[in-house]
Amino acid sequence: MPDDVAVLHETVIGWYRRHARVLPWRSADRTAWAVMVSEFMLQQTPVVRVLPVWEQWLRRWPTPADLAAEPSGEAVRAWGRLGYPRRALRLHAAAVAVTERHGGHVPDDEDALLALPGVGAYTAAAIAAFAHGRRTVVLDTNIRRVFTRVLHGTALPRPSLTVAETRLARELLPTDDAEAATWNVAVMELGALVCTARSPRCTECPLANRCAWLAAGRPDPEHQPTGQAWAGTTRQLRGAILAVVREATGPVDVGALVRTATGTAVLLDVTDTDSGTRGPLRTLAALGHDEARVRAALDGLAADGLVKLDGDGPTVRLPD
């Protein structure tokens, strides 16, 4: 651990105050619920895609109780194209739990947060720190990358969080609650804007003169991350099917959906929201999957609670 921790704090927090993005979930008047929604949405989705959906979500459901009063399918519909839509179901379930167990107030205790559906160690720490100003260790990919480069001289952190990383992060925390929360978000922002995974801007980094990785000549990572495939995957097919069901004005006939997905015909009445690009039906038809794979994808969506299969037809719709 560096000896001049106070200087490290001052340097990074000072940089953050000058260069941080203006994001609504960081505003002084934001609610704990607004922060919680942002943390669910930002887990695997870039800020630029989250912003409009987050704003629409908070206008429609300004409190956990507002969301809890709606069917879970409405959360899936409003989630739109953020990806990984099971997060919408988990956020809905968390809203129900907050409403029923905590009187509609997002708790500030990490153990209570961890007991909520869909809330893991990182999300609990982030809500405690960013919504309630608690002094706690927050370790996302950006923070881990900054610490790994500056203090250890390696390009990327290990795939899984280590006990040593958590211990070091705790030792680096400022003693004051508010300053610790600012420190966490400041290091996170530095990793997101400057110390990026693929194109680090070392000449703009406030820690360049104390970065072990830069001093070592920016060696290549020991573990090369592998990107997730998308084209031709079941995940792509599931997303296309869910987009059709999400945009439909009512239950969708599965037989017609299968004919659409296999490229046989486009038969469904679905609102095209793509504004000049291929709508959800054309997107689905263009994938050209066989019937067995389409039905397996439908069954998987139903098993995950993202759609509901009804009747002998059957039809498919968003869940209640």
C-alpha atoms as a PDB file:
ATOM      1  CA  MET A   1       0.000   0.000   0.000  1.00  0.00           C
ATOM      2  CA  PRO A   2       1.374   3.468  -0.832  1.00  0.00           C
ATOM      3  CA  ASP A   3       2.659   5.579   2.058  1.00  0.00           C
ATOM      4  CA  ASP A   4       1.050   8.786   0.798  1.00  0.00           C
ATOM      5  CA  VAL A   5      -2.566   7.627   0.908  1.00  0.00           C
ATOM      6  CA  ALA A   6      -3.797  11.116   1.768  1.00  0.00           C
ATOM      7  CA  VAL A   7      -2.134  12.497  -1.362  1.00  0.00           C
ATOM      8  CA  LEU A   8      -3.708   9.707  -3.393  1.00  0.00           C
ATOM      9  CA  HIS A   9      -7.139  10.657  -2.047  1.00  0.00           C
ATOM     10  CA  GLU A  10      -6.597  14.343  -2.718  1.00  0.00           C
ATOM     11  CA  THR A  11      -5.340  13.710  -6.251  1.00  0.00           C
ATOM     12  CA  VAL A  12      -8.132  11.411  -7.384  1.00  0.00           C
ATOM     13  CA  ILE A  13     -10.974  13.253  -5.654  1.00  0.00           C
ATOM     14  CA  GLY A  14      -9.653  16.568  -6.986  1.00  0.00           C
ATOM     15  CA  TRP A  15      -9.580  15.146 -10.514  1.00  0.00           C
ATOM     16  CA  TYR A  16     -13.122  13.834 -10.054  1.00  0.00           C
ATOM     17  CA  ARG A  17     -14.478  17.214  -8.979  1.00  0.00           C
ATOM     18  CA  ARG A  18     -13.059  18.758 -12.153  1.00  0.00           C
ATOM     19  CA  HIS A  19     -13.866  16.052 -14.694  1.00  0.00           C
ATOM     20  CA  ALA A  20     -16.780  13.905 -13.478  1.00  0.00           C
ATOM     21  CA  ARG A  21     -19.727  13.392 -15.767  1.00  0.00           C
ATOM     22  CA  VAL A  22     -22.953  15.044 -14.708  1.00  0.00           C
ATOM     23  CA  LEU A  23     -25.238  12.068 -14.125  1.00  0.00           C
ATOM     24  CA  PRO A  24     -28.705  12.350 -12.585  1.00  0.00           C
ATOM     25  CA  TRP A  25     -28.212   9.555 -10.066  1.00  0.00           C
ATOM     26  CA  ARG A  26     -25.294  11.562  -8.632  1.00  0.00           C
ATOM     27  CA  SER A  27     -27.279  14.755  -8.076  1.00  0.00           C
ATOM     28  CA  ALA A  28     -27.709  16.072  -4.542  1.00  0.00           C
ATOM     29  CA  ASP A  29     -31.486  15.613  -4.640  1.00  0.00           C
ATOM     30  CA  ARG A  30     -31.523  12.048  -5.978  1.00  0.00           C
ATOM     31  CA  THR A  31     -33.292   9.432  -3.896  1.00  0.00           C
ATOM     32  CA  ALA A  32     -31.880   6.130  -2.687  1.00  0.00           C
ATOM     33  CA  TRP A  33     -34.364   4.418  -5.003  1.00  0.00           C
ATOM     34  CA  ALA A  34     -32.994   6.373  -7.977  1.00  0.00           C
ATOM     35  CA  VAL A  35     -29.490   5.171  -7.100  1.00  0.00           C
ATOM     36  CA  MET A  36     -30.704   1.608  -6.684  1.00  0.00           C
ATOM     37  CA  VAL A  37     -32.360   1.639 -10.110  1.00  0.00           C
ATOM     38  CA  SER A  38     -29.178   3.018 -11.676  1.00  0.00           C
ATOM     39  CA  GLU A  39     -27.052   0.303 -10.090  1.00  0.00           C
ATOM     40  CA  PHE A  40     -29.276  -2.461 -11.469  1.00  0.00           C
ATOM     41  CA  MET A  41     -29.260  -0.911 -14.938  1.00  0.00           C
ATOM     42  CA  LEU A  42     -25.545  -0.131 -15.051  1.00  0.00           C
ATOM     43  CA  GLN A  43     -24.373  -3.630 -14.107  1.00  0.00           C
ATOM     44  CA  GLN A  44     -23.792  -4.714 -17.713  1.00  0.00           C
ATOM     45  CA  THR A  45     -24.964  -1.749 -19.778  1.00  0.00           C
ATOM     46  CA  PRO A  46     -23.147   1.490 -20.769  1.00  0.00           C
ATOM     47  CA  VAL A  47     -24.231   4.805 -19.277  1.00  0.00           C
ATOM     48  CA  VAL A  48     -25.335   6.221 -22.642  1.00  0.00           C
ATOM     49  CA  ARG A  49     -27.909   3.450 -23.039  1.00  0.00           C
ATOM     50  CA  VAL A  50     -29.023   3.540 -19.425  1.00  0.00           C
ATOM     51  CA  LEU A  51     -29.727   7.289 -19.191  1.00  0.00           C
ATOM     52  CA  PRO A  52     -32.985   7.528 -21.217  1.00  0.00           C
ATOM     53  CA  VAL A  53     -34.425   4.323 -19.747  1.00  0.00           C
ATOM     54  CA  TRP A  54     -33.507   5.383 -16.193  1.00  0.00           C
ATOM     55  CA  GLU A  55     -35.213   8.747 -16.713  1.00  0.00           C
ATOM     56  CA  GLN A  56     -38.378   7.121 -18.099  1.00  0.00           C
ATOM     57  CA  TRP A  57     -38.357   4.558 -15.287  1.00  0.00           C
ATOM     58  CA  LEU A  58     -38.123   7.198 -12.522  1.00  0.00           C
ATOM     59  CA  ARG A  59     -40.854   9.297 -14.113  1.00  0.00           C
ATOM     60  CA  ARG A  60     -43.156   6.298 -14.178  1.00  0.00           C
ATOM     61  CA  TRP A  61     -42.089   4.703 -10.891  1.00  0.00           C
ATOM     62  CA  PRO A  62     -40.582   7.371  -8.623  1.00  0.00           C
ATOM     63  CA  THR A  63     -40.713   5.072  -5.591  1.00  0.00           C
ATOM     64  CA  PRO A  64     -40.314   1.334  -4.973  1.00  0.00           C
ATOM     65  CA  ALA A  65     -43.988   1.132  -4.044  1.00  0.00           C
ATOM     66  CA  ASP A  66     -44.989   2.512  -7.439  1.00  0.00           C
ATOM     67  CA  LEU A  67     -43.120  -0.272  -9.219  1.00  0.00           C
ATOM     68  CA  ALA A  68     -44.235  -2.934  -6.741  1.00  0.00           C
ATOM     69  CA  ALA A  69     -47.871  -2.122  -7.530  1.00  0.00           C
ATOM     70  CA  GLU A  70     -47.378  -3.018 -11.215  1.00  0.00           C
ATOM     71  CA  PRO A  71     -47.130  -6.487 -12.797  1.00  0.00           C
ATOM     72  CA  SER A  72     -43.571  -7.705 -13.274  1.00  0.00           C
ATOM     73  CA  GLY A  73     -44.239  -7.803 -17.024  1.00  0.00           C
ATOM     74  CA  GLU A  74     -44.443  -4.024 -17.062  1.00  0.00           C
ATOM     75  CA  ALA A  75     -40.921  -3.884 -15.655  1.00  0.00           C
ATOM     76  CA  VAL A  76     -39.754  -6.173 -18.466  1.00  0.00           C
ATOM     77  CA  ARG A  77     -41.527  -3.988 -21.024  1.00  0.00           C
ATOM     78  CA  ALA A  78     -40.013  -0.777 -19.648  1.00  0.00           C
ATOM     79  CA  TRP A  79     -36.559  -2.366 -19.515  1.00  0.00           C
ATOM     80  CA  GLY A  80     -36.554  -2.128 -23.315  1.00  0.00           C
ATOM     81  CA  ARG A  81     -33.213  -2.868 -24.943  1.00  0.00           C
ATOM     82  CA  LEU A  82     -30.923  -2.601 -21.929  1.00  0.00           C
ATOM     83  CA  GLY A  83     -30.143  -6.300 -22.254  1.00  0.00           C
ATOM     84  CA  TYR A  84     -30.047  -9.056 -19.627  1.00  0.00           C
ATOM     85  CA  PRO A  85     -33.774  -8.530 -18.919  1.00  0.00           C
ATOM     86  CA  ARG A  86     -33.821 -10.791 -15.866  1.00  0.00           C
ATOM     87  CA  ARG A  87     -32.437  -7.709 -14.110  1.00  0.00           C
ATOM     88  CA  ALA A  88     -35.872  -6.122 -14.629  1.00  0.00           C
ATOM     89  CA  LEU A  89     -37.567  -9.007 -12.836  1.00  0.00           C
ATOM     90  CA  ARG A  90     -35.044  -8.824  -9.998  1.00  0.00           C
ATOM     91  CA  LEU A  91     -35.484  -5.075  -9.661  1.00  0.00           C
ATOM     92  CA  HIS A  92     -39.260  -5.526  -9.548  1.00  0.00           C
ATOM     93  CA  ALA A  93     -38.882  -8.214  -6.879  1.00  0.00           C
ATOM     94  CA  ALA A  94     -36.516  -5.959  -4.931  1.00  0.00           C
ATOM     95  CA  ALA A  95     -39.066  -3.132  -5.117  1.00  0.00           C
ATOM     96  CA  VAL A  96     -41.713  -5.465  -3.686  1.00  0.00           C
ATOM     97  CA  ALA A  97     -39.353  -6.487  -0.871  1.00  0.00           C
ATOM     98  CA  VAL A  98     -38.414  -2.887  -0.066  1.00  0.00           C
ATOM     99  CA  THR A  99     -42.100  -1.961   0.042  1.00  0.00           C
ATOM    100  CA  GLU A 100     -43.156  -4.905   2.187  1.00  0.00           C
ATOM    101  CA  ARG A 101     -40.151  -5.199   4.529  1.00  0.00           C
ATOM    102  CA  HIS A 102     -38.853  -1.654   4.794  1.00  0.00           C
ATOM    103  CA  GLY A 103     -41.887   0.573   4.407  1.00  0.00           C
ATOM    104  CA  GLY A 104     -40.839   1.663   0.934  1.00  0.00           C
ATOM    105  CA  HIS A 105     -37.448   2.983   2.057  1.00  0.00           C
ATOM    106  CA  VAL A 106     -34.298   1.529   0.493  1.00  0.00           C
ATOM    107  CA  PRO A 107     -32.245   0.293   3.465  1.00  0.00           C
ATOM    108  CA  ASP A 108     -28.797   1.689   4.223  1.00  0.00           C
ATOM    109  CA  ASP A 109     -27.474  -1.454   5.906  1.00  0.00           C
ATOM    110  CA  GLU A 110     -25.495  -3.783   3.636  1.00  0.00           C
ATOM    111  CA  ASP A 111     -26.874  -6.940   5.233  1.00  0.00           C
ATOM    112  CA  ALA A 112     -30.433  -5.726   4.694  1.00  0.00           C
ATOM    113  CA  LEU A 113     -29.571  -4.789   1.120  1.00  0.00           C
ATOM    114  CA  LEU A 114     -28.010  -8.201   0.494  1.00  0.00           C
ATOM    115  CA  ALA A 115     -31.275  -9.814   1.576  1.00  0.00           C
ATOM    116  CA  LEU A 116     -33.115  -8.115  -1.295  1.00  0.00           C
ATOM    117  CA  PRO A 117     -33.702 -10.095  -4.525  1.00  0.00           C
ATOM    118  CA  GLY A 118     -31.051  -9.471  -7.162  1.00  0.00           C
ATOM    119  CA  VAL A 119     -28.701  -7.593  -4.839  1.00  0.00           C
ATOM    120  CA  GLY A 120     -25.192  -9.009  -4.579  1.00  0.00           C
ATOM    121  CA  ALA A 121     -22.126  -7.822  -2.696  1.00  0.00           C
ATOM    122  CA  TYR A 122     -21.155  -5.122  -5.189  1.00  0.00           C
ATOM    123  CA  THR A 123     -24.686  -3.717  -5.576  1.00  0.00           C
ATOM    124  CA  ALA A 124     -25.257  -3.659  -1.803  1.00  0.00           C
ATOM    125  CA  ALA A 125     -21.992  -1.794  -1.241  1.00  0.00           C
ATOM    126  CA  ALA A 126     -22.680   0.632  -4.090  1.00  0.00           C
ATOM    127  CA  ILE A 127     -26.163   1.502  -2.793  1.00  0.00           C
ATOM    128  CA  ALA A 128     -24.859   1.918   0.751  1.00  0.00           C
ATOM    129  CA  ALA A 129     -22.056   4.201  -0.463  1.00  0.00           C
ATOM    130  CA  PHE A 130     -23.702   6.191  -3.250  1.00  0.00           C
ATOM    131  CA  ALA A 131     -27.259   6.422  -1.897  1.00  0.00           C
ATOM    132  CA  HIS A 132     -26.517   6.701   1.811  1.00  0.00           C
ATOM    133  CA  GLY A 133     -22.922   7.934   2.007  1.00  0.00           C
ATOM    134  CA  ARG A 134     -21.683   4.935   3.960  1.00  0.00           C
ATOM    135  CA  ARG A 135     -17.995   4.073   4.327  1.00  0.00           C
ATOM    136  CA  THR A 136     -17.739   0.703   2.600  1.00  0.00           C
ATOM    137  CA  VAL A 137     -15.614  -1.075   0.043  1.00  0.00           C
ATOM    138  CA  VAL A 138     -16.985  -0.758  -3.504  1.00  0.00           C
ATOM    139  CA  LEU A 139     -15.128  -2.822  -6.083  1.00  0.00           C
ATOM    140  CA  ASP A 140     -16.348  -2.848  -9.662  1.00  0.00           C
ATOM    141  CA  THR A 141     -14.285  -3.610 -12.766  1.00  0.00           C
ATOM    142  CA  ASN A 142     -13.182   0.004 -13.183  1.00  0.00           C
ATOM    143  CA  ILE A 143     -11.948   0.398  -9.606  1.00  0.00           C
ATOM    144  CA  ARG A 144     -10.180  -2.948  -9.675  1.00  0.00           C
ATOM    145  CA  ARG A 145      -8.414  -2.012 -12.924  1.00  0.00           C
ATOM    146  CA  VAL A 146      -7.157   1.307 -11.537  1.00  0.00           C
ATOM    147  CA  PHE A 147      -5.815  -0.321  -8.370  1.00  0.00           C
ATOM    148  CA  THR A 148      -4.239  -3.196 -10.309  1.00  0.00           C
ATOM    149  CA  ARG A 149      -2.380  -0.871 -12.663  1.00  0.00           C
ATOM    150  CA  VAL A 150      -1.344   1.854 -10.260  1.00  0.00           C
ATOM    151  CA  LEU A 151      -0.343  -0.328  -7.318  1.00  0.00           C
ATOM    152  CA  HIS A 152       0.630  -3.686  -8.849  1.00  0.00           C
ATOM    153  CA  GLY A 153       1.819  -2.839 -12.361  1.00  0.00           C
ATOM    154  CA  THR A 154      -0.414  -5.329 -14.164  1.00  0.00           C
ATOM    155  CA  ALA A 155      -2.755  -4.448 -17.001  1.00  0.00           C
ATOM    156  CA  LEU A 156      -5.949  -6.089 -15.805  1.00  0.00           C
ATOM    157  CA  PRO A 157      -7.223  -7.601 -12.564  1.00  0.00           C
ATOM    158  CA  ARG A 158      -7.791 -11.312 -12.235  1.00  0.00           C
ATOM    159  CA  PRO A 159     -11.130 -12.609 -13.527  1.00  0.00           C
ATOM    160  CA  SER A 160     -12.420 -13.147  -9.981  1.00  0.00           C
ATOM    161  CA  LEU A 161     -12.206 -10.747  -7.064  1.00  0.00           C
ATOM    162  CA  THR A 162      -9.559 -11.778  -4.527  1.00  0.00           C
ATOM    163  CA  VAL A 163      -9.409 -11.417  -0.758  1.00  0.00           C
ATOM    164  CA  ALA A 164      -6.215  -9.393  -1.150  1.00  0.00           C
ATOM    165  CA  GLU A 165      -7.975  -6.875  -3.405  1.00  0.00           C
ATOM    166  CA  THR A 166     -10.761  -6.388  -0.899  1.00  0.00           C
ATOM    167  CA  ARG A 167      -8.277  -5.972   1.951  1.00  0.00           C
ATOM    168  CA  LEU A 168      -6.263  -3.378   0.029  1.00  0.00           C
ATOM    169  CA  ALA A 169      -9.393  -1.466  -0.997  1.00  0.00           C
ATOM    170  CA  ARG A 170     -10.480  -1.319   2.655  1.00  0.00           C
ATOM    171  CA  GLU A 171      -7.072  -0.011   3.713  1.00  0.00           C
ATOM    172  CA  LEU A 172      -7.267   2.715   1.064  1.00  0.00           C
ATOM    173  CA  LEU A 173     -10.676   3.989   2.188  1.00  0.00           C
ATOM    174  CA  PRO A 174     -10.729   7.464   3.733  1.00  0.00           C
ATOM    175  CA  THR A 175     -11.871   7.388   7.359  1.00  0.00           C
ATOM    176  CA  ASP A 176     -14.706   9.870   6.842  1.00  0.00           C
ATOM    177  CA  ASP A 177     -17.955   8.379   5.530  1.00  0.00           C
ATOM    178  CA  ALA A 178     -18.705  11.061   2.952  1.00  0.00           C
ATOM    179  CA  GLU A 179     -15.130  11.237   1.710  1.00  0.00           C
ATOM    180  CA  ALA A 180     -15.009   7.434   1.428  1.00  0.00           C
ATOM    181  CA  ALA A 181     -18.149   7.453  -0.730  1.00  0.00           C
ATOM    182  CA  THR A 182     -16.639  10.174  -2.931  1.00  0.00           C
ATOM    183  CA  TRP A 183     -13.378   8.239  -3.154  1.00  0.00           C
ATOM    184  CA  ASN A 184     -15.208   5.169  -4.417  1.00  0.00           C
ATOM    185  CA  VAL A 185     -17.077   7.017  -7.153  1.00  0.00           C
ATOM    186  CA  ALA A 186     -13.973   9.032  -8.065  1.00  0.00           C
ATOM    187  CA  VAL A 187     -11.813   5.950  -8.661  1.00  0.00           C
ATOM    188  CA  MET A 188     -14.682   4.358 -10.565  1.00  0.00           C
ATOM    189  CA  GLU A 189     -14.962   7.430 -12.796  1.00  0.00           C
ATOM    190  CA  LEU A 190     -11.213   7.478 -13.386  1.00  0.00           C
ATOM    191  CA  GLY A 191     -11.401   3.882 -14.596  1.00  0.00           C
ATOM    192  CA  ALA A 192     -14.413   4.594 -16.796  1.00  0.00           C
ATOM    193  CA  LEU A 193     -13.038   7.727 -18.484  1.00  0.00           C
ATOM    194  CA  VAL A 194      -9.227   7.534 -18.399  1.00  0.00           C
ATOM    195  CA  CYS A 195      -7.852   4.209 -17.180  1.00  0.00           C
ATOM    196  CA  THR A 196      -9.993   2.229 -19.598  1.00  0.00           C
ATOM    197  CA  ALA A 197      -9.518  -1.423 -20.448  1.00  0.00           C
ATOM    198  CA  ARG A 198      -8.693  -1.047 -24.145  1.00  0.00           C
ATOM    199  CA  SER A 199      -7.533   2.525 -24.751  1.00  0.00           C
ATOM    200  CA  PRO A 200      -6.107   4.006 -21.558  1.00  0.00           C
ATOM    201  CA  ARG A 201      -5.352   7.737 -21.791  1.00  0.00           C
ATOM    202  CA  CYS A 202      -2.278   7.733 -19.596  1.00  0.00           C
ATOM    203  CA  THR A 203      -1.209  11.253 -20.562  1.00  0.00           C
ATOM    204  CA  GLU A 204      -4.434  12.556 -18.995  1.00  0.00           C
ATOM    205  CA  CYS A 205      -4.265  10.456 -15.841  1.00  0.00           C
ATOM    206  CA  PRO A 206      -3.698  12.250 -12.516  1.00  0.00           C
ATOM    207  CA  LEU A 207      -1.903   9.143 -11.239  1.00  0.00           C
ATOM    208  CA  ALA A 208       0.491   8.796 -14.189  1.00  0.00           C
ATOM    209  CA  ASN A 209       3.518   9.782 -12.092  1.00  0.00           C
ATOM    210  CA  ARG A 210       2.806   7.048  -9.544  1.00  0.00           C
ATOM    211  CA  CYS A 211       1.432   4.277 -11.804  1.00  0.00           C
ATOM    212  CA  ALA A 212       3.443   1.068 -11.633  1.00  0.00           C
ATOM    213  CA  TRP A 213       1.949  -0.232 -14.871  1.00  0.00           C
ATOM    214  CA  LEU A 214       2.919   2.878 -16.838  1.00  0.00           C
ATOM    215  CA  ALA A 215       6.393   2.863 -15.299  1.00  0.00           C
ATOM    216  CA  ALA A 216       6.825  -0.751 -16.413  1.00  0.00           C
ATOM    217  CA  GLY A 217       6.030   0.166 -20.024  1.00  0.00           C
ATOM    218  CA  ARG A 218       2.385  -0.893 -19.973  1.00  0.00           C
ATOM    219  CA  PRO A 219       2.956  -4.663 -20.234  1.00  0.00           C
ATOM    220  CA  ASP A 220       0.255  -6.779 -21.825  1.00  0.00           C
ATOM    221  CA  PRO A 221      -2.286  -8.454 -19.533  1.00  0.00           C
ATOM    222  CA  GLU A 222      -1.506 -11.872 -18.121  1.00  0.00           C
ATOM    223  CA  HIS A 223      -5.092 -12.971 -18.692  1.00  0.00           C
ATOM    224  CA  GLN A 224      -6.714 -11.889 -21.959  1.00  0.00           C
ATOM    225  CA  PRO A 225     -10.465 -11.383 -21.457  1.00  0.00           C
ATOM    226  CA  THR A 226     -12.672 -13.156 -23.980  1.00  0.00           C
ATOM    227  CA  GLY A 227     -15.569 -11.231 -25.478  1.00  0.00           C
ATOM    228  CA  GLN A 228     -19.039 -12.719 -25.480  1.00  0.00           C
ATOM    229  CA  ALA A 229     -20.357 -13.769 -28.875  1.00  0.00           C
ATOM    230  CA  TRP A 230     -23.733 -12.371 -29.899  1.00  0.00           C
ATOM    231  CA  ALA A 231     -24.547 -13.100 -33.537  1.00  0.00           C
ATOM    232  CA  GLY A 232     -26.211 -16.467 -33.975  1.00  0.00           C
ATOM    233  CA  THR A 233     -26.493 -17.150 -30.244  1.00  0.00           C
ATOM    234  CA  THR A 234     -29.519 -18.263 -28.285  1.00  0.00           C
ATOM    235  CA  ARG A 235     -29.199 -15.024 -26.308  1.00  0.00           C
ATOM    236  CA  GLN A 236     -29.686 -13.053 -29.526  1.00  0.00           C
ATOM    237  CA  LEU A 237     -32.724 -15.161 -30.449  1.00  0.00           C
ATOM    238  CA  ARG A 238     -34.232 -14.787 -26.969  1.00  0.00           C
ATOM    239  CA  GLY A 239     -33.758 -11.037 -27.149  1.00  0.00           C
ATOM    240  CA  ALA A 240     -35.466 -10.854 -30.536  1.00  0.00           C
ATOM    241  CA  ILE A 241     -38.428 -12.945 -29.359  1.00  0.00           C
ATOM    242  CA  LEU A 242     -38.778 -10.883 -26.199  1.00  0.00           C
ATOM    243  CA  ALA A 243     -38.710  -7.669 -28.238  1.00  0.00           C
ATOM    244  CA  VAL A 244     -41.708  -8.887 -30.250  1.00  0.00           C
ATOM    245  CA  VAL A 245     -43.657  -9.903 -27.129  1.00  0.00           C
ATOM    246  CA  ARG A 246     -42.729  -6.657 -25.394  1.00  0.00           C
ATOM    247  CA  GLU A 247     -44.014  -4.513 -28.276  1.00  0.00           C
ATOM    248  CA  ALA A 248     -47.190  -6.532 -28.864  1.00  0.00           C
ATOM    249  CA  THR A 249     -50.509  -4.969 -27.855  1.00  0.00           C
ATOM    250  CA  GLY A 250     -51.742  -8.301 -26.447  1.00  0.00           C
ATOM    251  CA  PRO A 251     -50.943 -12.034 -26.293  1.00  0.00           C
ATOM    252  CA  VAL A 252     -48.955 -13.322 -29.263  1.00  0.00           C
ATOM    253  CA  ASP A 253     -49.854 -16.537 -31.067  1.00  0.00           C
ATOM    254  CA  VAL A 254     -46.902 -18.903 -30.708  1.00  0.00           C
ATOM    255  CA  GLY A 255     -47.502 -20.592 -34.072  1.00  0.00           C
ATOM    256  CA  ALA A 256     -47.353 -17.213 -35.823  1.00  0.00           C
ATOM    257  CA  LEU A 257     -44.309 -16.273 -33.799  1.00  0.00           C
ATOM    258  CA  VAL A 258     -42.536 -19.461 -34.862  1.00  0.00           C
ATOM    259  CA  ARG A 259     -43.411 -18.858 -38.527  1.00  0.00           C
ATOM    260  CA  THR A 260     -41.995 -15.344 -38.187  1.00  0.00           C
ATOM    261  CA  ALA A 261     -38.823 -16.547 -36.483  1.00  0.00           C
ATOM    262  CA  THR A 262     -38.187 -19.233 -39.091  1.00  0.00           C
ATOM    263  CA  GLY A 263     -38.663 -16.731 -41.893  1.00  0.00           C
ATOM    264  CA  THR A 264     -41.853 -18.385 -43.176  1.00  0.00           C
ATOM    265  CA  ALA A 265     -44.030 -15.285 -42.731  1.00  0.00           C
ATOM    266  CA  VAL A 266     -44.405 -12.104 -40.730  1.00  0.00           C
ATOM    267  CA  LEU A 267     -47.929 -12.377 -39.364  1.00  0.00           C
ATOM    268  CA  LEU A 268     -48.032 -10.537 -36.074  1.00  0.00           C
ATOM    269  CA  ASP A 269     -49.515  -7.144 -35.284  1.00  0.00           C
ATOM    270  CA  VAL A 270     -46.712  -5.485 -33.370  1.00  0.00           C
ATOM    271  CA  THR A 271     -45.863  -1.811 -33.052  1.00  0.00           C
ATOM    272  CA  ASP A 272     -42.629  -1.001 -34.881  1.00  0.00           C
ATOM    273  CA  THR A 273     -40.645   1.307 -32.614  1.00  0.00           C
ATOM    274  CA  ASP A 274     -37.378   1.214 -34.522  1.00  0.00           C
ATOM    275  CA  SER A 275     -37.952   4.569 -36.307  1.00  0.00           C
ATOM    276  CA  GLY A 276     -36.653   3.787 -39.754  1.00  0.00           C
ATOM    277  CA  THR A 277     -34.725   0.607 -39.002  1.00  0.00           C
ATOM    278  CA  ARG A 278     -35.991  -2.954 -39.049  1.00  0.00           C
ATOM    279  CA  GLY A 279     -38.640  -3.456 -36.398  1.00  0.00           C
ATOM    280  CA  PRO A 280     -38.745  -6.375 -33.952  1.00  0.00           C
ATOM    281  CA  LEU A 281     -40.616  -8.618 -36.359  1.00  0.00           C
ATOM    282  CA  ARG A 282     -38.202  -8.107 -39.232  1.00  0.00           C
ATOM    283  CA  THR A 283     -35.269  -8.487 -36.879  1.00  0.00           C
ATOM    284  CA  LEU A 284     -36.627 -11.805 -35.662  1.00  0.00           C
ATOM    285  CA  ALA A 285     -37.409 -13.044 -39.177  1.00  0.00           C
ATOM    286  CA  ALA A 286     -33.914 -12.161 -40.387  1.00  0.00           C
ATOM    287  CA  LEU A 287     -32.298 -14.526 -37.882  1.00  0.00           C
ATOM    288  CA  GLY A 288     -33.699 -17.556 -39.720  1.00  0.00           C
ATOM    289  CA  HIS A 289     -33.566 -20.098 -36.894  1.00  0.00           C
ATOM    290  CA  ASP A 290     -35.249 -23.501 -37.110  1.00  0.00           C
ATOM    291  CA  GLU A 291     -38.459 -24.244 -35.241  1.00  0.00           C
ATOM    292  CA  ALA A 292     -36.880 -26.440 -32.562  1.00  0.00           C
ATOM    293  CA  ARG A 293     -34.455 -23.718 -31.547  1.00  0.00           C
ATOM    294  CA  VAL A 294     -37.177 -21.065 -31.510  1.00  0.00           C
ATOM    295  CA  ARG A 295     -39.429 -23.176 -29.295  1.00  0.00           C
ATOM    296  CA  ALA A 296     -36.505 -23.977 -26.986  1.00  0.00           C
ATOM    297  CA  ALA A 297     -35.760 -20.261 -26.678  1.00  0.00           C
ATOM    298  CA  LEU A 298     -39.430 -19.608 -25.854  1.00  0.00           C
ATOM    299  CA  ASP A 299     -39.395 -22.312 -23.201  1.00  0.00           C
ATOM    300  CA  GLY A 300     -36.238 -20.801 -21.731  1.00  0.00           C
ATOM    301  CA  LEU A 301     -37.802 -17.347 -21.548  1.00  0.00           C
ATOM    302  CA  ALA A 302     -40.842 -18.859 -19.819  1.00  0.00           C
ATOM    303  CA  ALA A 303     -38.665 -20.805 -17.373  1.00  0.00           C
ATOM    304  CA  ASP A 304     -36.865 -17.557 -16.465  1.00  0.00           C
ATOM    305  CA  GLY A 305     -40.170 -15.831 -15.810  1.00  0.00           C
ATOM    306  CA  LEU A 306     -39.713 -13.324 -18.641  1.00  0.00           C
ATOM    307  CA  VAL A 307     -42.775 -14.485 -20.607  1.00  0.00           C
ATOM    308  CA  LYS A 308     -45.925 -16.450 -19.832  1.00  0.00           C
ATOM    309  CA  LEU A 309     -47.197 -19.258 -22.074  1.00  0.00           C
ATOM    310  CA  ASP A 310     -50.992 -19.575 -21.952  1.00  0.00           C
ATOM    311  CA  GLY A 311     -53.677 -21.885 -23.323  1.00  0.00           C
ATOM    312  CA  ASP A 312     -53.622 -24.806 -25.747  1.00  0.00           C
ATOM    313  CA  GLY A 313     -52.492 -22.652 -28.687  1.00  0.00           C
ATOM    314  CA  PRO A 314     -50.552 -21.519 -26.930  1.00  0.00           C
ATOM    315  CA  THR A 315     -50.096 -17.785 -26.766  1.00  0.00           C
ATOM    316  CA  VAL A 316     -47.224 -15.929 -25.166  1.00  0.00           C
ATOM    317  CA  ARG A 317     -47.286 -12.645 -23.264  1.00  0.00           C
ATOM    318  CA  LEU A 318     -45.397 -10.743 -20.609  1.00  0.00           C
ATOM    319  CA  PRO A 319     -45.836 -12.056 -17.051  1.00  0.00           C
ATOM    320  CA  ASP A 320     -48.340 -10.729 -14.522  1.00  0.00           C
END
